[in-house]
Amino acid sequence: MKPKVTMIAWNQNDNYVVTAVNNHLLKVWNSCTGQLLHDLVGHADEVFVLETHPFDSRIMLSAGHDGNIFIWDITKGTKTKHYFNMIEGQGHGAVFDCKFSPDGQHFACTDSHGHLLIFGFGCSRPYEKIPDQMFFHTDYRPLIRDSNNYVLDEQTQQAPHLMPPPFLVDVDGNPHPTKYQRLVPGRENCADEHLIPQLGYVATSDGEVVEQVIGQQTIDQDEQGLEPSILDGMIRQLQQQQDQRAGADQEPASSGPQNGEGTPRRG
C-alpha cells in the first residue's frame, strides 16, 4: 500500500510536525530539519484528528476511526494516556473530532454514534442534563442544486440557511423530549406544542422505509385540517416576505415617469 498522509499538525511552539499516515502510524518530524524523530504506534485504523495542547508543547492528542484516543508526549515519542471508545452492544465508535479547552484541563470528542465525550478534572454532574446521543434531524438530509446551482434542501426545496432550527434526535432518528429541544438555539422560548416533532416515513436510496422527523404539528391543526407542518408554513412565510421585499425594492425604479421628463436624480 502506498503511504498517504491523512492529517498534519504542528505542536504548540512549531518545533515539531506530526503527520498521520494511512498505515495507521503517526510520525513526529523536526520542523526545521525535516528529520524523522519518532514513529508513534497504537492506532489500528486511519487517523483524522490531531490536536495540539494549547500551551504545553510536548502534548499532542490523536483520535481515529478505530475508536482510540491517545495523548502523546511527542518529545519522547511515548503514550501518556489512552481511551478506547467502546459502546455497549454496538462495538466501538469512530472518533470524528476532538478539541482542547482553552485552559488545557479538558478535551471533548464527538463520535459516529452522536456521543459527546468530555474528559478532564472535576465533577460530571453539570453534563448529565443532556442526552447521550445528539443529532439534528437535518444532519443527513439530501441536498440538491437548482437551476442557478444554489444548494437546496431536497424535501422542502428551500435554502438550508432559511429553514427553522432543527430538532434534536438520537442515533435512530427518534426525537428527544421537549426539555432537550429547548437547548437548540432559536427554540429557547418556543411553546410546548412547537417542540413536538412530526414523524413521517421516508424511503432511503436502498428502498428501505425508515421513520424520520419531517416537521412539527399540533393536535388542533390536525382537527382543523390546517397546514400539516408548521415548519413548512414558516419556511413559506419567510419566502413570501423575501419576495415582498424584492418587489418593494424594484417598485421605485418602475414607477417613475414614462415620458422621460422627470427630475434628474443624482447617483
Foldseek 3Di string as FASTA:
>chain_A
DDKDWQDKDAAQVRQWIWTWIQVRWIWIAGRPPRHTDEIADDDDGGWNEWEYQNPDRQWIWTFFQQQKIFIGRSVVSDTDDIDGQQDPPPGHWGWDYKDADNVRFKMWTATPQQAIDIDGDDDCVVVVVADGHWDFLCPPQDWDADPVRQIARPPLRHHVVLFAFTFIDGSQQHGDQQVNRCVTPPNVPPDRQQRAFDKDWDQDPVRDIGIHGDAGAHPVCVVVVHDRHVRSVSSVVVVVVVVVVVVVVCVVVPPDDPVPPDDDDDD
